Amino acid sequence: MSLLALILGSPLSLGAARPAPPCRMAQLRLSLDGRHGDFNGMSHSGTEISIRNMGPDCMLPALPNIELRDARGRTLAIGRKASLGIHPGPVMAAVRVRGGHRAATALRWVSAPVYPSSRAARAANLTVRLGTATLRAPLVAVLYGPAGKPITFDQAPLHAMEGMAGG
């Protein structure tokens, strides 16, 4: 081994971290937090999605599939809006969630009839789909979109956070 490798450390000497396995549904808990209205204002609303890892370290997709459902459990025709603007770098495909910690993101949507011809959809729960399994949480929200176009929400990639989610 060269002197430079000894000074900088090699993967063998630093104990290279093994990749974590995908998260299992049994180890995850979903909660939503409106942060006492922090998302509300100027015809917009939203919620923070928090996924707690109750088991060992694991990986979650950075942009999990979010579905909003009505009171009868039917999936609403509402989807993630493509992000606009310049991003600081490539979006990671997955995020590592340490055991005892959580991953979170914010969802934001139009919550008032601000379009010349608005249409509304009433959500009763939110579903996070991870492969073929789902996590669900109750959500009372009315989302608006222009007539004849899809109703959408903004969803940022999940990011790992220290500590457990409240609630």
Protein backbone atom coordinates (compact mmCIF):
# COMPACT_ATOMS: atom_id res chain seq x y z
CA MET A 1 0.00 0.00 0.00
CA SER A 2 1.36 3.44 -0.88
CA LEU A 3 2.08 6.12 1.69
CA LEU A 4 -0.68 8.30 0.17
CA ALA A 5 -3.22 5.49 0.62
CA LEU A 6 -2.15 5.08 4.24
CA ILE A 7 -2.52 8.83 4.89
CA LEU A 8 -5.89 9.17 3.16
CA GLY A 9 -7.13 5.79 4.32
CA SER A 10 -8.18 2.96 2.11
CA PRO A 11 -11.63 1.43 1.86
CA LEU A 12 -10.31 -1.58 3.70
CA SER A 13 -8.83 0.43 6.55
CA LEU A 14 -11.92 2.62 6.91
CA GLY A 15 -14.32 -0.32 6.93
CA ALA A 16 -16.33 0.55 3.83
CA ALA A 17 -20.05 0.70 4.58
CA ARG A 18 -22.13 -2.06 3.10
CA PRO A 19 -25.19 -0.97 1.17
CA ALA A 20 -28.37 -1.25 3.21
CA PRO A 21 -31.17 -3.54 1.98
CA PRO A 22 -34.51 -2.14 0.79
CA CYS A 23 -36.86 -1.25 3.64
CA ARG A 24 -39.51 -3.82 4.56
CA MET A 25 -43.06 -2.60 5.15
CA ALA A 26 -43.15 -4.20 8.60
CA GLN A 27 -40.39 -1.88 9.81
CA LEU A 28 -41.93 1.38 8.52
CA ARG A 29 -44.51 3.76 10.00
CA LEU A 30 -46.12 6.58 8.01
CA SER A 31 -47.30 9.83 9.56
CA LEU A 32 -48.43 13.19 8.20
CA ASP A 33 -47.88 16.57 9.84
CA GLY A 34 -49.52 19.81 8.71
CA ARG A 35 -47.16 21.69 11.05
CA HIS A 36 -50.03 23.64 12.60
CA GLY A 37 -50.91 25.31 9.30
CA ASP A 38 -47.38 26.20 8.16
CA PHE A 39 -48.26 24.91 4.66
CA ASN A 40 -51.44 26.99 4.42
CA GLY A 41 -51.69 30.37 2.73
CA MET A 42 -52.12 32.13 -0.60
CA SER A 43 -54.45 29.39 -1.91
CA HIS A 44 -51.96 26.62 -1.15
CA SER A 45 -51.75 23.88 1.44
CA GLY A 46 -49.68 20.78 2.11
CA THR A 47 -48.33 18.31 4.59
CA GLU A 48 -45.06 16.73 5.63
CA ILE A 49 -44.78 13.01 4.94
CA SER A 50 -42.63 11.21 7.49
CA ILE A 51 -41.61 7.55 7.21
CA ARG A 52 -40.13 6.19 10.44
CA ASN A 53 -37.76 3.23 10.33
CA MET A 54 -38.46 1.00 13.33
CA GLY A 55 -35.91 -1.62 12.22
CA PRO A 56 -32.32 -1.82 10.96
CA ASP A 57 -30.84 0.59 8.41
CA CYS A 58 -32.55 0.32 5.05
CA MET A 59 -33.07 2.10 1.73
CA LEU A 60 -36.19 3.92 0.50
CA PRO A 61 -36.76 5.28 -3.00
CA ALA A 62 -36.11 9.04 -2.99
CA LEU A 63 -39.36 9.69 -4.88
CA PRO A 64 -41.86 7.06 -3.73
CA ASN A 65 -45.20 6.88 -5.52
CA ILE A 66 -47.83 8.92 -3.70
CA GLU A 67 -51.52 8.27 -4.26
CA LEU A 68 -54.42 10.24 -2.85
CA ARG A 69 -57.69 8.38 -2.29
CA ASP A 70 -61.26 9.43 -1.65
CA ALA A 71 -63.45 8.36 1.27
CA ARG A 72 -64.43 5.16 -0.60
CA GLY A 73 -60.76 4.20 -1.10
CA ARG A 74 -60.71 4.99 -4.83
CA THR A 75 -57.49 6.41 -6.22
CA LEU A 76 -57.97 10.01 -7.32
CA ALA A 77 -56.60 11.24 -10.66
CA ILE A 78 -54.01 13.42 -8.95
CA GLY A 79 -50.28 13.12 -9.55
CA ARG A 80 -46.86 14.55 -8.91
CA LYS A 81 -46.03 17.63 -10.93
CA ALA A 82 -42.71 17.56 -12.73
CA SER A 83 -40.25 19.86 -10.95
CA LEU A 84 -39.32 23.05 -12.71
CA GLY A 85 -36.12 25.05 -12.46
CA ILE A 86 -32.50 24.29 -11.87
CA HIS A 87 -31.59 21.68 -9.29
CA PRO A 88 -28.37 21.69 -7.28
CA GLY A 89 -27.43 18.27 -8.64
CA PRO A 90 -28.80 14.90 -9.67
CA VAL A 91 -31.60 13.48 -7.55
CA MET A 92 -30.52 10.39 -5.67
CA ALA A 93 -32.46 7.26 -6.57
CA ALA A 94 -32.65 6.11 -2.94
CA VAL A 95 -32.12 7.41 0.57
CA ARG A 96 -30.61 5.47 3.47
CA VAL A 97 -32.75 5.60 6.62
CA ARG A 98 -30.90 4.61 9.76
CA GLY A 99 -32.63 2.46 12.33
CA GLY A 100 -34.56 4.64 14.77
CA HIS A 101 -34.66 7.59 12.37
CA ARG A 102 -36.91 8.82 9.59
CA ALA A 103 -37.10 10.16 6.06
CA ALA A 104 -39.36 13.09 5.24
CA THR A 105 -40.60 15.28 2.42
CA ALA A 106 -43.21 17.97 1.92
CA LEU A 107 -46.20 17.78 -0.41
CA ARG A 108 -47.78 21.06 -1.56
CA TRP A 109 -50.92 21.68 -3.62
CA VAL A 110 -53.40 24.37 -4.71
CA SER A 111 -56.18 24.46 -2.10
CA ALA A 112 -58.59 27.04 -3.54
CA PRO A 113 -60.49 27.57 -6.82
CA VAL A 114 -57.99 30.04 -8.29
CA TYR A 115 -58.36 29.03 -11.95
CA PRO A 116 -60.92 30.62 -14.32
CA SER A 117 -62.55 27.16 -14.49
CA SER A 118 -61.46 25.14 -11.47
CA ARG A 119 -62.18 21.56 -10.57
CA ALA A 120 -61.68 19.95 -7.17
CA ALA A 121 -60.83 16.55 -5.73
CA ARG A 122 -61.41 15.59 -2.08
CA ALA A 123 -58.78 13.34 -0.53
CA ALA A 124 -59.51 11.23 2.54
CA ASN A 125 -56.19 9.40 2.79
CA LEU A 126 -52.68 9.32 1.41
CA THR A 127 -50.92 6.16 0.27
CA VAL A 128 -47.18 5.71 -0.19
CA ARG A 129 -46.57 2.84 -2.59
CA LEU A 130 -43.24 1.03 -2.24
CA GLY A 131 -43.16 -1.75 -4.82
CA THR A 132 -46.33 -3.79 -4.35
CA ALA A 133 -46.85 -2.78 -0.71
CA THR A 134 -48.39 0.41 0.68
CA LEU A 135 -48.37 2.60 3.75
CA ARG A 136 -51.52 4.66 4.47
CA ALA A 137 -52.45 7.64 6.61
CA PRO A 138 -55.64 9.69 6.86
CA LEU A 139 -55.58 13.05 5.09
CA VAL A 140 -58.40 15.54 4.78
CA ALA A 141 -57.63 17.81 1.83
CA VAL A 142 -59.27 19.46 -1.14
CA LEU A 143 -56.97 19.91 -4.15
CA TYR A 144 -57.79 22.13 -7.11
CA GLY A 145 -56.66 22.20 -10.70
CA PRO A 146 -57.72 23.86 -13.93
CA ALA A 147 -60.68 22.25 -15.71
CA GLY A 148 -59.52 19.88 -18.43
CA LYS A 149 -56.03 19.45 -16.97
CA PRO A 150 -54.61 17.10 -14.32
CA ILE A 151 -54.71 18.10 -10.66
CA THR A 152 -51.16 17.95 -9.32
CA PHE A 153 -49.05 18.32 -6.19
CA ASP A 154 -45.39 19.20 -5.68
CA GLN A 155 -43.25 16.48 -4.11
CA ALA A 156 -39.59 16.89 -3.24
CA PRO A 157 -37.33 13.84 -2.82
CA LEU A 158 -37.25 12.20 0.61
CA HIS A 159 -34.33 13.21 2.81
CA ALA A 160 -33.02 11.38 5.85
CA MET A 161 -33.57 13.12 9.19
CA GLU A 162 -32.23 12.49 12.65
CA GLY A 163 -34.70 11.35 15.27
CA MET A 164 -38.22 10.07 15.25
CA ALA A 165 -41.18 11.87 13.72
CA GLY A 166 -43.70 13.40 16.04
CA GLY A 167 -47.05 11.64 16.15
